[in-house]
């Protein structure tokens, strides 16, 4: 039975495809060409008395205005999007460009503007060459009014989006949303739906399946591996989780039993960049990078770093240790290591603690956040938070000049340097 929580390789590739700007633009452009060609088809349905009142020159002038204005608006919007990407890269993180490029409001607006331009241009050519008769002109005029309405709606949404596009807060919102989605998927399907395992327990007799290319593991189709294991009566251990940088020749997985390397390797998608979907650590690292940028001497914005830590805390508070025993796993012939809670806390707070420097307010907020996590009902989270607190205290003790500040930070921590 199909499980909507399982992100198969075809679904992952489809999602990556529809998030690209040119896909939406091409679809709307195709619809524009279809609507422009419907004039002769729908023309006979237009009453003759109404069609006689239309002036072909008037329809042509309207289409000229629409084509010229949409070309200018499309060019302007593209320049704004490029500027927003550069601004987000400079103010937050270069990795944040991905969420700007995939913003649906921006993509829909650009696709609508370009689609309207193509519609107006194609219709204008057909009108001026005499392909349309009076009734067909009436159909094109009706479609033109619909296109203008869509353009107005897109412009209004685009104007609202422009006020925040590329801003640190807006970018952080999008990254936090991506992180929450990835973390929720991991909680619903721990260990990618496979059985939790310790890599040290993988049998030495299991044969490795190595990567043929170098890059980041962007996606692992656990269902495909389960099908392969069932067909061959074998077991598969995933060694490279999404987000892992893998070099050609390094093992992606190990297989105990009959081995079909190509089928196993096909379940792993490797690319030049990481993806948010199965890689919650990526989102946490980008949020941490935003805080690090805010703490740099050139920016010197500790308030933004504190805000980012609040976002990270909001993401980490609901988390529990990732466990997937065989009786609850969706794929019982495939095993994968869980993401350690300590690794998530390190991604979120380690670099911030290192770069906080002499900003005592950042150290105080960091310790209060770790104290909240240290009081978690999950033992693994509590232990990882205490370890992270102890490391952060060491940075504070190194960087804070005043003993009074060091004492305040030490008092606010769930542990102390003397523990």
Protein backbone atom coordinates (compact mmCIF):
# COMPACT_ATOMS: atom_id res chain seq x y z
CA UNK A 1 0.00 0.00 0.00
CA UNK A 2 1.26 3.47 -0.90
CA UNK A 3 2.43 5.50 2.10
CA UNK A 4 2.36 9.25 1.48
CA UNK A 5 5.05 9.76 4.12
CA UNK A 6 7.60 7.80 2.05
CA UNK A 7 9.58 10.03 -0.28
CA UNK A 8 10.45 7.75 -3.20
CA UNK A 9 13.06 8.65 -5.77
CA UNK A 10 10.51 9.49 -8.53
CA UNK A 11 8.56 11.75 -6.12
CA UNK A 12 11.79 13.43 -4.98
CA UNK A 13 12.89 14.07 -8.57
CA UNK A 14 9.42 15.37 -9.45
CA UNK A 15 9.51 17.79 -6.52
CA UNK A 16 12.94 19.02 -7.54
CA UNK A 17 11.67 19.52 -11.09
CA UNK A 18 8.52 21.50 -10.24
CA UNK A 19 10.52 23.79 -7.95
CA UNK A 20 12.54 25.06 -10.90
CA UNK A 21 11.53 28.42 -12.31
CA UNK A 22 11.62 27.37 -15.96
CA UNK A 23 9.10 24.55 -15.38
CA UNK A 24 6.29 26.81 -14.17
CA UNK A 25 7.18 29.40 -16.77
CA UNK A 26 7.08 26.82 -19.55
CA UNK A 27 3.71 25.46 -18.42
CA UNK A 28 2.09 28.90 -18.31
CA UNK A 29 3.71 29.83 -21.61
CA UNK A 30 2.27 26.66 -23.17
CA UNK A 31 -1.17 27.56 -21.83
CA UNK A 32 -0.75 31.02 -23.33
CA UNK A 33 -0.03 29.53 -26.75
CA UNK A 34 -3.04 27.20 -26.43
CA UNK A 35 -5.37 30.04 -25.51
CA UNK A 36 -4.03 32.15 -28.38
CA UNK A 37 -4.83 29.36 -30.82
CA UNK A 38 -8.40 28.85 -29.58
CA UNK A 39 -9.74 31.90 -31.42
CA UNK A 40 -10.76 30.10 -34.63
CA UNK A 41 -12.17 27.18 -32.59
CA UNK A 42 -14.38 29.24 -30.30
CA UNK A 43 -15.07 32.01 -32.80
CA UNK A 44 -18.30 30.46 -34.19
CA UNK A 45 -19.82 30.59 -30.70
CA UNK A 46 -19.63 34.40 -30.58
CA UNK A 47 -22.83 36.21 -31.67
CA UNK A 48 -22.37 38.01 -34.97
CA UNK A 49 -23.89 41.26 -33.67
CA UNK A 50 -21.33 41.42 -30.86
CA UNK A 51 -18.40 40.56 -33.14
CA UNK A 52 -19.30 43.30 -35.62
CA UNK A 53 -18.85 45.94 -32.93
CA UNK A 54 -15.23 44.98 -32.34
CA UNK A 55 -12.42 46.78 -34.08
CA UNK A 56 -9.44 44.59 -34.96
CA UNK A 57 -7.13 47.60 -34.61
CA UNK A 58 -8.37 48.16 -31.05
CA UNK A 59 -7.69 44.54 -30.13
CA UNK A 60 -4.23 44.83 -31.69
CA UNK A 61 -3.42 47.98 -29.69
CA UNK A 62 -4.49 46.31 -26.44
CA UNK A 63 -2.26 43.35 -27.20
CA UNK A 64 0.65 45.67 -28.04
CA UNK A 65 0.29 47.42 -24.70
CA UNK A 66 0.11 44.11 -22.85
CA UNK A 67 3.14 42.66 -24.66
CA UNK A 68 5.37 45.69 -24.13
CA UNK A 69 4.41 46.18 -20.50
CA UNK A 70 4.82 42.48 -19.63
CA UNK A 71 8.28 42.39 -21.20
CA UNK A 72 9.34 45.32 -19.03
CA UNK A 73 7.74 43.86 -15.89
CA UNK A 74 9.35 40.45 -16.48
CA UNK A 75 12.80 41.98 -16.94
CA UNK A 76 12.37 44.11 -13.81
CA UNK A 77 11.14 41.14 -11.75
CA UNK A 78 14.06 38.97 -12.83
CA UNK A 79 16.51 41.68 -11.80
CA UNK A 80 14.77 41.97 -8.43
CA UNK A 81 14.99 38.20 -7.88
CA UNK A 82 18.70 38.14 -8.75
CA UNK A 83 19.33 41.09 -6.41
CA UNK A 84 17.38 39.34 -3.64
CA UNK A 85 19.46 36.20 -4.07
CA UNK A 86 22.69 38.17 -3.79
CA UNK A 87 21.36 40.07 -0.78
CA UNK A 88 20.31 36.84 0.96
CA UNK A 89 23.72 35.36 0.22
CA UNK A 90 25.55 38.36 1.67
CA UNK A 91 23.33 38.89 4.70
CA UNK A 92 22.48 35.32 5.67
CA UNK A 93 24.19 32.40 3.93
CA UNK A 94 25.10 31.45 0.35
CA UNK A 95 23.15 28.23 0.93
CA UNK A 96 20.01 30.34 1.45
CA UNK A 97 19.81 31.10 -2.29
CA UNK A 98 18.06 27.78 -2.79
CA UNK A 99 15.00 28.81 -0.78
CA UNK A 100 14.79 32.12 -2.67
CA UNK A 101 14.90 30.35 -6.01
CA UNK A 102 12.17 27.91 -4.93
CA UNK A 103 9.81 30.58 -3.55
CA UNK A 104 6.40 29.83 -5.09
CA UNK A 105 5.10 33.42 -5.04
CA UNK A 106 8.14 34.65 -6.95
CA UNK A 107 8.01 31.80 -9.44
CA UNK A 108 4.26 32.19 -10.04
CA UNK A 109 4.62 35.94 -10.57
CA UNK A 110 7.46 35.59 -13.07
CA UNK A 111 5.68 32.75 -14.85
CA UNK A 112 2.48 34.79 -15.10
CA UNK A 113 4.29 37.85 -16.48
CA UNK A 114 6.19 35.84 -19.07
CA UNK A 115 3.10 33.82 -19.97
CA UNK A 116 1.12 37.02 -20.50
CA UNK A 117 3.90 38.38 -22.73
CA UNK A 118 3.93 35.21 -24.87
CA UNK A 119 0.12 35.21 -25.10
CA UNK A 120 0.02 38.85 -26.17
CA UNK A 121 2.85 38.39 -28.67
CA UNK A 122 1.34 35.26 -30.27
CA UNK A 123 -2.14 36.77 -30.40
CA UNK A 124 -0.81 40.00 -31.87
CA UNK A 125 0.94 38.11 -34.67
CA UNK A 126 -2.24 36.21 -35.50
CA UNK A 127 -4.38 39.37 -35.43
CA UNK A 128 -2.00 41.42 -37.57
CA UNK A 129 -1.56 38.66 -40.16
CA UNK A 130 -5.32 38.36 -40.61
CA UNK A 131 -5.60 34.79 -39.35
CA UNK A 132 -8.43 35.81 -37.01
CA UNK A 133 -11.81 36.94 -38.23
CA UNK A 134 -14.11 39.26 -36.28
CA UNK A 135 -15.51 36.48 -34.12
CA UNK A 136 -12.04 35.14 -33.34
CA UNK A 137 -10.99 38.65 -32.31
CA UNK A 138 -13.81 38.61 -29.77
CA UNK A 139 -12.49 35.37 -28.29
CA UNK A 140 -8.97 36.78 -28.06
CA UNK A 141 -10.30 39.92 -26.37
CA UNK A 142 -12.07 37.77 -23.77
CA UNK A 143 -8.86 35.80 -23.12
CA UNK A 144 -6.96 39.08 -22.90
CA UNK A 145 -9.25 40.30 -20.11
CA UNK A 146 -8.66 37.03 -18.23
CA UNK A 147 -4.90 37.37 -18.67
CA UNK A 148 -5.00 40.97 -17.43
CA UNK A 149 -6.91 39.83 -14.33
CA UNK A 150 -4.29 37.16 -13.63
CA UNK A 151 -1.50 39.70 -14.11
CA UNK A 152 -3.12 42.14 -11.67
CA UNK A 153 -3.45 39.40 -9.04
CA UNK A 154 0.18 38.34 -9.60
CA UNK A 155 1.39 41.94 -9.32
CA UNK A 156 -0.47 42.47 -6.04
CA UNK A 157 1.02 39.31 -4.54
CA UNK A 158 4.43 40.21 -5.94
CA UNK A 159 4.33 43.69 -4.39
CA UNK A 160 3.54 42.16 -1.00
CA UNK A 161 6.41 39.72 -1.43
CA UNK A 162 8.92 42.39 -2.47
CA UNK A 163 8.87 44.07 0.94
CA UNK A 164 10.52 41.01 2.54
CA UNK A 165 12.18 39.20 -0.36
CA UNK A 166 15.78 38.37 0.48
CA UNK A 167 15.54 39.80 4.01
CA UNK A 168 17.14 37.90 6.88
CA UNK A 169 13.85 37.35 8.69
CA UNK A 170 12.01 36.17 5.56
CA UNK A 171 14.89 33.88 4.58
CA UNK A 172 15.10 32.45 8.10
CA UNK A 173 11.34 31.81 8.03
CA UNK A 174 11.67 29.76 4.85
CA UNK A 175 14.64 27.78 6.16
CA UNK A 176 12.88 27.12 9.46
CA UNK A 177 9.86 25.84 7.55
CA UNK A 178 12.08 23.53 5.52
CA UNK A 179 13.79 22.30 8.69
CA UNK A 180 10.46 21.64 10.44
CA UNK A 181 9.22 19.69 7.43
CA UNK A 182 12.37 17.54 7.32
CA UNK A 183 12.35 16.93 11.08
CA UNK A 184 8.67 15.98 11.00
CA UNK A 185 9.36 13.51 8.21
CA UNK A 186 12.19 11.98 10.25
CA UNK A 187 9.94 11.65 13.32
CA UNK A 188 7.19 10.00 11.25
CA UNK A 189 9.67 7.69 9.49
CA UNK A 190 12.69 7.28 11.79
CA UNK A 191 15.87 6.10 10.07
CA UNK A 192 14.26 6.70 6.65
CA UNK A 193 11.69 4.01 7.47
CA UNK A 194 14.41 1.38 7.92
CA UNK A 195 15.44 -0.54 11.03
CA UNK A 196 17.71 1.44 13.34
CA UNK A 197 21.22 0.05 13.53
CA UNK A 198 24.68 0.81 14.79
CA UNK A 199 27.25 0.90 12.01
CA UNK A 200 29.66 -1.01 14.24
CA UNK A 201 27.23 -3.93 14.19
CA UNK A 202 27.24 -4.31 10.39
CA UNK A 203 28.59 -7.79 9.58
CA UNK A 204 32.07 -7.75 8.17
CA UNK A 205 31.00 -10.29 5.58
CA UNK A 206 28.53 -7.85 4.02
CA UNK A 207 29.72 -6.69 0.62
CA UNK A 208 30.13 -2.91 0.06
CA UNK A 209 28.35 -1.01 -2.71
CA UNK A 210 30.52 1.96 -3.61
CA UNK A 211 29.68 5.31 -5.18
CA UNK A 212 30.61 5.97 -8.78
CA UNK A 213 30.57 9.77 -8.45
CA UNK A 214 31.68 12.32 -5.87
CA UNK A 215 29.20 14.65 -4.19
CA UNK A 216 26.52 14.91 -1.54
CA UNK A 217 23.95 12.19 -1.00
CA UNK A 218 20.74 14.08 -1.79
CA UNK A 219 18.21 11.29 -1.45
CA UNK A 220 17.96 7.62 -0.48
CA UNK A 221 14.99 5.58 -1.72
CA UNK A 222 14.59 3.08 1.12
CA UNK A 223 11.58 1.48 -0.56
CA UNK A 224 13.67 0.67 -3.64
CA UNK A 225 16.30 -0.94 -1.39
CA UNK A 226 13.59 -2.98 0.37
CA UNK A 227 12.28 -4.27 -2.96
CA UNK A 228 15.79 -5.25 -3.99
CA UNK A 229 16.45 -6.99 -0.66
CA UNK A 230 13.16 -8.91 -0.82
CA UNK A 231 13.79 -9.97 -4.42
CA UNK A 232 17.30 -11.24 -3.63
CA UNK A 233 16.54 -12.50 -0.09
CA UNK A 234 19.27 -10.26 1.30
CA UNK A 235 19.74 -7.50 3.88
CA UNK A 236 21.04 -3.99 3.23
CA UNK A 237 22.73 -1.56 5.61
CA UNK A 238 22.74 2.12 4.58
CA UNK A 239 26.10 3.72 5.37
CA UNK A 240 25.72 7.15 3.72
CA UNK A 241 22.70 9.13 4.95
CA UNK A 242 21.34 12.14 3.02
CA UNK A 243 23.70 15.06 3.53
CA UNK A 244 26.83 12.89 3.61
CA UNK A 245 29.65 13.94 1.31
CA UNK A 246 30.78 10.82 -0.50
CA UNK A 247 33.77 10.31 -2.79
CA UNK A 248 33.87 7.92 -5.70
CA UNK A 249 34.88 4.51 -4.41
CA UNK A 250 33.54 5.03 -0.89
CA UNK A 251 30.80 2.65 0.32
CA UNK A 252 27.17 3.78 0.14
CA UNK A 253 25.78 0.61 1.66
CA UNK A 254 26.64 -2.98 2.54
CA UNK A 255 24.69 -6.00 1.39
CA UNK A 256 24.49 -9.42 3.00
CA UNK A 257 23.36 -11.94 0.43
CA UNK A 258 23.07 -11.83 -3.37
CA UNK A 259 24.44 -8.53 -4.63
CA UNK A 260 23.11 -6.40 -7.49
CA UNK A 261 25.31 -3.32 -7.18
CA UNK A 262 23.60 -1.29 -9.91
CA UNK A 263 20.13 -1.70 -8.41
CA UNK A 264 21.36 -0.82 -4.93
CA UNK A 265 23.37 2.14 -6.22
CA UNK A 266 20.33 3.41 -8.14
CA UNK A 267 18.54 4.05 -4.82
CA UNK A 268 21.11 6.72 -3.93
CA UNK A 269 20.93 10.12 -5.63
CA UNK A 270 24.22 12.04 -5.50
CA UNK A 271 24.58 15.68 -6.53
CA UNK A 272 26.72 18.78 -6.13
CA UNK A 273 24.50 20.35 -3.45
CA UNK A 274 22.57 19.13 -0.44
CA UNK A 275 18.78 19.03 -0.34
CA UNK A 276 16.36 19.94 2.45
CA UNK A 277 13.89 17.07 2.04
CA UNK A 278 15.68 14.19 3.81
CA UNK A 279 18.46 16.21 5.42
CA UNK A 280 17.30 18.10 8.54
CA UNK A 281 20.89 18.82 9.55
CA UNK A 282 21.31 20.98 6.44
CA UNK A 283 18.59 23.41 7.54
CA UNK A 284 19.95 23.63 11.07
CA UNK A 285 23.43 24.38 9.73
CA UNK A 286 22.11 27.16 7.48
CA UNK A 287 20.27 28.78 10.38
CA UNK A 288 23.45 28.56 12.42
CA UNK A 289 25.37 30.19 9.55
CA UNK A 290 22.95 33.13 9.63
CA UNK A 291 23.69 33.60 13.31
CA UNK A 292 27.43 33.31 12.67
CA UNK A 293 27.20 35.98 9.96
CA UNK A 294 25.33 38.25 12.39
CA UNK A 295 28.08 37.78 14.98
CA UNK A 296 30.90 38.66 12.58
CA UNK A 297 32.72 41.97 13.22
CA UNK A 298 31.52 43.36 9.91
CA UNK A 299 27.84 42.90 10.81
CA UNK A 300 27.90 42.95 14.64
CA UNK A 301 24.20 42.15 15.11
CA UNK A 302 23.83 39.97 18.23
CA UNK A 303 20.05 40.47 18.29
CA UNK A 304 19.72 38.56 15.02
CA UNK A 305 21.88 35.75 16.42
CA UNK A 306 19.61 35.56 19.46
CA UNK A 307 16.53 35.44 17.22
CA UNK A 308 18.04 32.60 15.21
CA UNK A 309 18.80 30.67 18.40
CA UNK A 310 15.15 31.07 19.33
CA UNK A 311 14.19 29.50 16.01
CA UNK A 312 16.63 26.64 16.58
CA UNK A 313 15.23 26.03 20.04
CA UNK A 314 11.71 25.97 18.63
CA UNK A 315 12.79 23.25 16.20
CA UNK A 316 14.71 21.15 18.73
CA UNK A 317 12.35 21.17 21.72
CA UNK A 318 9.89 18.59 20.30
CA UNK A 319 12.63 16.20 19.18
CA UNK A 320 13.25 12.82 20.76
CA UNK A 321 15.83 10.16 20.09
CA UNK A 322 15.42 8.52 16.70
CA UNK A 323 14.51 4.86 17.26
CA UNK A 324 13.12 2.34 14.79
CA UNK A 325 12.94 -1.24 16.07
CA UNK A 326 12.23 -3.96 13.54
CA UNK A 327 8.61 -4.43 14.64
CA UNK A 328 7.75 -0.77 13.85
CA UNK A 329 9.97 -0.14 10.81
CA UNK A 330 8.35 0.22 7.39
CA UNK A 331 11.24 -1.62 5.72
CA UNK A 332 12.46 -4.58 7.72
CA UNK A 333 15.23 -5.79 5.37
CA UNK A 334 16.98 -2.40 5.30
CA UNK A 335 18.84 -0.86 8.23
CA UNK A 336 20.10 2.71 8.68
CA UNK A 337 21.84 4.58 11.50
CA UNK A 338 19.81 7.23 13.34
CA UNK A 339 20.90 10.85 13.41
CA UNK A 340 22.46 11.37 16.87
CA UNK A 341 20.80 14.09 18.90
CA UNK A 342 24.24 15.37 19.82
CA UNK A 343 24.96 15.93 16.11
CA UNK A 344 21.80 18.04 15.74
CA UNK A 345 22.77 20.18 18.73
CA UNK A 346 26.28 20.58 17.38
CA UNK A 347 24.91 21.70 14.00
CA UNK A 348 22.66 24.21 15.73
CA UNK A 349 24.76 25.74 18.51
CA UNK A 350 28.45 24.75 18.36
CA UNK A 351 29.55 27.38 15.85
CA UNK A 352 27.44 30.08 17.51
CA UNK A 353 29.12 29.39 20.85
CA UNK A 354 32.51 29.56 19.16
CA UNK A 355 31.79 32.89 17.42
CA UNK A 356 29.84 34.62 20.22
CA UNK A 357 33.07 36.22 21.45
CA UNK A 358 32.63 38.90 24.09
CA UNK A 359 28.87 39.31 23.52
CA UNK A 360 27.59 38.24 26.91
CA UNK A 361 23.92 38.50 25.89
CA UNK A 362 24.48 35.82 23.24
CA UNK A 363 26.16 33.50 25.74
CA UNK A 364 23.34 34.03 28.23
CA UNK A 365 20.62 33.22 25.70
CA UNK A 366 22.55 30.20 24.45
CA UNK A 367 22.81 28.76 27.95
CA UNK A 368 19.13 29.40 28.65
CA UNK A 369 18.24 27.56 25.41
CA UNK A 370 20.46 24.63 26.36
CA UNK A 371 18.98 24.59 29.85
CA UNK A 372 15.52 24.19 28.32
CA UNK A 373 16.78 21.26 26.26
CA UNK A 374 18.63 19.79 29.25
CA UNK A 375 15.25 19.55 31.04
CA UNK A 376 13.82 17.45 28.20
CA UNK A 377 12.07 14.20 29.05
CA UNK A 378 14.23 12.52 26.39
CA UNK A 379 17.41 11.31 28.06
CA UNK A 380 19.51 11.53 24.89
CA UNK A 381 18.45 15.14 24.30
CA UNK A 382 19.10 16.07 27.93
CA UNK A 383 22.56 14.52 27.92
CA UNK A 384 23.50 16.13 24.59
CA UNK A 385 22.32 19.55 25.85
CA UNK A 386 24.47 19.29 28.96
CA UNK A 387 27.50 18.36 26.88
CA UNK A 388 26.81 21.28 24.52
CA UNK A 389 26.41 23.60 27.50
CA UNK A 390 29.74 22.56 28.95
CA UNK A 391 31.49 23.22 25.63
CA UNK A 392 29.76 26.60 25.24
CA UNK A 393 30.84 27.56 28.76
CA UNK A 394 34.43 26.86 27.81
CA UNK A 395 34.14 29.33 24.92
CA UNK A 396 32.51 31.91 27.20
CA UNK A 397 35.27 31.48 29.79
CA UNK A 398 37.84 32.04 27.03
CA UNK A 399 36.23 35.11 25.41
CA UNK A 400 34.49 37.08 28.16
CA UNK A 401 36.81 39.60 29.78
CA UNK A 402 34.89 40.48 32.92
CA UNK A 403 34.68 37.89 35.68
CA UNK A 404 31.20 39.19 36.48
CA UNK A 405 30.02 38.28 32.97
CA UNK A 406 31.60 34.84 33.20
CA UNK A 407 29.87 34.23 36.53
CA UNK A 408 26.48 35.28 35.10
CA UNK A 409 26.84 32.92 32.16
CA UNK A 410 28.00 30.08 34.40
CA UNK A 411 25.05 30.64 36.74
CA UNK A 412 22.54 30.50 33.88
CA UNK A 413 23.87 27.17 32.54
CA UNK A 414 22.42 23.73 33.28
CA UNK A 415 25.99 22.66 34.13
CA UNK A 416 29.04 24.55 35.29
CA UNK A 417 32.71 24.29 34.49
CA UNK A 418 33.24 22.84 37.95
CA UNK A 419 30.81 19.92 37.43
